[in-house]
Amino acid sequence: MKAHRTIKNAFRALRRNPMRAMLTTLGIVIGVAAVIAMMEIGKGSSEALKKTIESMGANNIMIFPGSAASGGVTFGGGSTMTLKPQDYEAIVRECSAVKYAAPIVRARTQVIYGGRNWIPANIYGTTPSFLDVRDWELSEGESFSDRDVVNASKVCILGQTLVRELFLGESPVGKELRIKNVTFRVIGVLSAKGDGMNN
């Protein structure tokens, strides 16, 4: 009986002040919708950030060579060659927790194709396993092989930025470009990955 009386009084109050009841209901709906929207936006942003971090290699460990010093001045990491190919081979052979390993040599210089040129953030000399380490896929063409590495074949794979800047979006596969006056044949194109990572 008490519940019945309460419901009856509530409906009577609603009929007496319909505008107030409507505005109260609207406020509740907007408030709940705003909370749900913020939760979903936060969840979506979190997932997007997580995927971006994973794409950059959340489970990667990068080992850099040591630094050289002269007259009390340190030249920074990588200024001296303290790592050798044997170190890479030892890691692959002795570290069972390491799934993939790839040695890299980095450079930063001008890349030229026809009358256009571009200086990418980094140019890597590496092995085919680098694509596995960075979880990178090709959008076009094919990857280089261990035989290409052993034979020092003049082949390369380009990132999306170079394709856009040098080839104006056209397929570069099969074409030749120059790096430090050395001619390389393009055999593949990397898929887009992150922001500015794919130079």
Protein backbone atom coordinates (compact mmCIF):
# COMPACT_ATOMS: atom_id res chain seq x y z
CA MET A 1 0.00 0.00 0.00
CA LYS A 2 2.86 2.36 0.86
CA ALA A 3 4.51 1.78 -2.53
CA HIS A 4 1.20 2.26 -4.32
CA ARG A 5 0.62 5.57 -2.50
CA THR A 6 4.13 6.74 -3.35
CA ILE A 7 3.71 5.97 -7.06
CA LYS A 8 0.32 7.71 -7.08
CA ASN A 9 1.79 10.84 -5.45
CA ALA A 10 4.69 10.82 -7.90
CA PHE A 11 2.39 10.75 -10.94
CA ARG A 12 0.27 13.51 -9.40
CA ALA A 13 3.41 15.66 -8.96
CA LEU A 14 4.44 14.98 -12.55
CA ARG A 15 1.05 16.09 -13.84
CA ARG A 16 1.22 19.26 -11.73
CA ASN A 17 4.71 20.31 -13.05
CA PRO A 18 5.22 18.72 -16.49
CA MET A 19 7.91 21.23 -17.55
CA ARG A 20 10.00 20.62 -14.42
CA ALA A 21 9.61 16.88 -14.83
CA MET A 22 10.67 17.08 -18.49
CA LEU A 23 13.73 19.21 -17.70
CA THR A 24 14.75 16.89 -14.85
CA THR A 25 14.44 13.86 -17.12
CA LEU A 26 16.40 15.62 -19.87
CA GLY A 27 19.16 16.50 -17.40
CA ILE A 28 19.40 12.90 -16.23
CA VAL A 29 19.54 11.59 -19.82
CA ILE A 30 22.23 14.13 -20.83
CA GLY A 31 24.28 13.36 -17.70
CA VAL A 32 24.18 9.60 -18.23
CA ALA A 33 24.94 10.00 -21.95
CA ALA A 34 27.91 12.27 -21.17
CA VAL A 35 29.35 9.77 -18.67
CA ILE A 36 28.98 6.87 -21.13
CA ALA A 37 30.49 8.93 -23.96
CA MET A 38 33.50 9.97 -21.84
CA MET A 39 34.09 6.38 -20.74
CA GLU A 40 33.98 5.12 -24.34
CA ILE A 41 36.23 7.93 -25.61
CA GLY A 42 38.72 7.20 -22.84
CA LYS A 43 38.62 3.48 -23.59
CA GLY A 44 39.06 4.07 -27.33
CA SER A 45 41.98 6.47 -26.77
CA SER A 46 43.61 3.98 -24.43
CA GLU A 47 43.30 1.17 -26.99
CA ALA A 48 44.64 3.40 -29.79
CA LEU A 49 47.63 4.42 -27.66
CA LYS A 50 48.26 0.82 -26.68
CA LYS A 51 48.26 -0.28 -30.33
CA THR A 52 50.60 2.56 -31.27
CA ILE A 53 53.05 1.62 -28.51
CA GLU A 54 52.85 -2.05 -29.50
CA SER A 55 53.51 -1.15 -33.13
CA MET A 56 56.66 0.69 -32.07
CA GLY A 57 57.88 -2.39 -30.25
CA ALA A 58 56.81 -2.54 -26.61
CA ASN A 59 58.67 -5.84 -26.17
CA ASN A 60 61.87 -4.73 -27.92
CA ILE A 61 65.27 -4.18 -26.35
CA MET A 62 67.72 -2.01 -28.27
CA ILE A 63 71.42 -2.31 -27.50
CA PHE A 64 73.61 0.59 -28.58
CA PRO A 65 77.41 0.73 -28.82
CA GLY A 66 79.38 2.62 -26.20
CA SER A 67 80.55 6.23 -26.30
CA ALA A 68 84.00 7.59 -27.00
CA ALA A 69 85.66 10.38 -25.04
CA SER A 70 88.60 12.64 -25.76
CA GLY A 71 90.07 15.36 -23.54
CA GLY A 72 87.23 14.99 -21.07
CA VAL A 73 84.58 15.41 -23.77
CA THR A 74 82.12 12.53 -24.35
CA PHE A 75 80.87 12.13 -27.92
CA GLY A 76 77.66 10.28 -26.99
CA GLY A 77 76.30 6.78 -27.48
CA GLY A 78 77.29 5.03 -30.68
CA SER A 79 80.40 7.15 -31.23
CA THR A 80 82.67 4.10 -30.99
CA MET A 81 82.31 0.58 -32.37
CA THR A 82 81.97 -1.66 -29.31
CA LEU A 83 79.49 -4.07 -30.88
CA LYS A 84 80.48 -6.66 -33.47
CA PRO A 85 78.55 -9.17 -35.62
CA GLN A 86 79.74 -11.88 -33.22
CA ASP A 87 77.75 -10.20 -30.43
CA TYR A 88 74.56 -10.51 -32.49
CA GLU A 89 75.31 -14.17 -33.21
CA ALA A 90 75.97 -14.83 -29.52
CA ILE A 91 72.63 -13.27 -28.52
CA VAL A 92 70.73 -15.42 -31.03
CA ARG A 93 72.63 -18.53 -29.97
CA GLU A 94 72.62 -18.15 -26.18
CA CYS A 95 69.51 -16.13 -25.24
CA SER A 96 66.54 -18.47 -25.51
CA ALA A 97 64.08 -15.72 -24.52
CA VAL A 98 65.00 -13.69 -27.61
CA LYS A 99 62.65 -14.54 -30.47
CA TYR A 100 64.27 -12.37 -33.15
CA ALA A 101 67.44 -10.29 -33.31
CA ALA A 102 68.67 -7.93 -36.00
CA PRO A 103 71.89 -5.92 -36.14
CA ILE A 104 71.55 -2.48 -37.68
CA VAL A 105 73.85 0.18 -39.06
CA ARG A 106 72.30 3.63 -39.13
CA ALA A 107 73.04 6.54 -41.43
CA ARG A 108 71.46 9.86 -42.30
CA THR A 109 72.12 11.16 -45.78
CA GLN A 110 70.42 12.34 -48.93
CA VAL A 111 68.39 9.95 -51.09
CA ILE A 112 68.04 10.96 -54.74
CA TYR A 113 65.60 9.85 -57.41
CA GLY A 114 65.55 11.71 -60.73
CA GLY A 115 65.42 15.43 -59.97
CA ARG A 116 64.03 14.96 -56.45
CA ASN A 117 65.83 14.33 -53.17
CA TRP A 118 64.95 13.75 -49.52
CA ILE A 119 66.84 13.19 -46.27
CA PRO A 120 64.98 10.55 -44.23
CA ALA A 121 65.22 10.45 -40.42
CA ASN A 122 67.22 7.22 -40.58
CA ILE A 123 68.57 4.81 -43.15
CA TYR A 124 69.07 1.30 -41.79
CA GLY A 125 71.40 -1.40 -43.02
CA THR A 126 70.15 -4.63 -41.46
CA THR A 127 69.04 -8.24 -41.92
CA PRO A 128 65.64 -9.67 -42.96
CA SER A 129 64.77 -10.43 -39.32
CA PHE A 130 64.52 -6.67 -38.68
CA LEU A 131 61.00 -6.75 -40.13
CA ASP A 132 60.05 -9.48 -37.63
CA VAL A 133 61.61 -7.57 -34.73
CA ARG A 134 59.64 -4.43 -35.56
CA ASP A 135 56.52 -6.39 -36.60
CA TRP A 136 56.59 -4.67 -39.98
CA GLU A 137 54.77 -5.81 -43.09
CA LEU A 138 55.24 -4.91 -46.72
CA SER A 139 52.49 -3.13 -48.59
CA GLU A 140 54.15 -3.84 -51.92
CA GLY A 141 57.01 -5.84 -53.39
CA GLU A 142 59.17 -8.28 -51.43
CA SER A 143 61.75 -8.29 -48.66
CA PHE A 144 65.47 -8.76 -49.12
CA SER A 145 67.01 -12.11 -48.20
CA ASP A 146 69.98 -13.38 -46.20
CA ARG A 147 71.68 -14.02 -49.54
CA ASP A 148 71.28 -10.32 -50.40
CA VAL A 149 72.98 -9.45 -47.09
CA VAL A 150 75.86 -11.88 -47.64
CA ASN A 151 76.35 -10.71 -51.24
CA ALA A 152 75.94 -7.03 -50.27
CA SER A 153 73.29 -6.69 -52.97
CA LYS A 154 72.35 -3.10 -53.78
CA VAL A 155 68.64 -3.48 -52.98
CA CYS A 156 66.44 -1.54 -50.57
CA ILE A 157 62.97 -1.28 -49.04
CA LEU A 158 61.38 2.15 -48.71
CA GLY A 159 59.06 3.68 -46.14
CA GLN A 160 55.91 5.61 -46.98
CA THR A 161 57.54 9.05 -46.56
CA LEU A 162 60.18 8.38 -49.21
CA VAL A 163 57.58 6.96 -51.58
CA ARG A 164 55.50 10.11 -51.14
CA GLU A 165 58.37 12.60 -51.41
CA LEU A 166 60.48 11.01 -54.14
CA PHE A 167 57.99 9.04 -56.21
CA LEU A 168 54.95 11.27 -55.61
CA GLY A 169 52.87 8.25 -54.57
CA GLU A 170 53.76 6.11 -57.60
CA SER A 171 55.01 2.57 -57.13
CA PRO A 172 58.81 2.64 -56.69
CA VAL A 173 59.25 -1.15 -56.95
CA GLY A 174 61.79 -2.01 -59.65
CA LYS A 175 63.07 1.57 -59.90
CA GLU A 176 66.54 2.77 -58.94
CA LEU A 177 67.61 5.56 -56.60
CA ARG A 178 70.94 6.83 -55.26
CA ILE A 179 72.25 6.94 -51.70
CA LYS A 180 75.66 8.63 -51.42
CA ASN A 181 76.17 8.13 -55.18
CA VAL A 182 75.55 4.38 -54.82
CA THR A 183 72.66 3.08 -56.92
CA PHE A 184 70.09 0.86 -55.18
CA ARG A 185 67.14 -1.01 -56.69
CA VAL A 186 63.84 -0.74 -54.80
CA ILE A 187 62.34 -4.17 -54.16
CA GLY A 188 59.63 -3.37 -51.60
CA VAL A 189 57.61 -0.77 -49.69
CA LEU A 190 56.86 -0.88 -45.97
CA SER A 191 53.30 -0.52 -44.76
CA ALA A 192 52.39 2.62 -42.81
CA LYS A 193 53.32 2.37 -39.15
CA GLY A 194 52.86 5.01 -36.48
CA ASP A 195 53.64 8.68 -36.76
CA GLY A 196 56.91 9.55 -38.43
CA MET A 197 58.35 6.08 -37.90
CA ASN A 198 58.15 5.08 -41.52
CA ASN A 199 60.64 7.36 -43.27
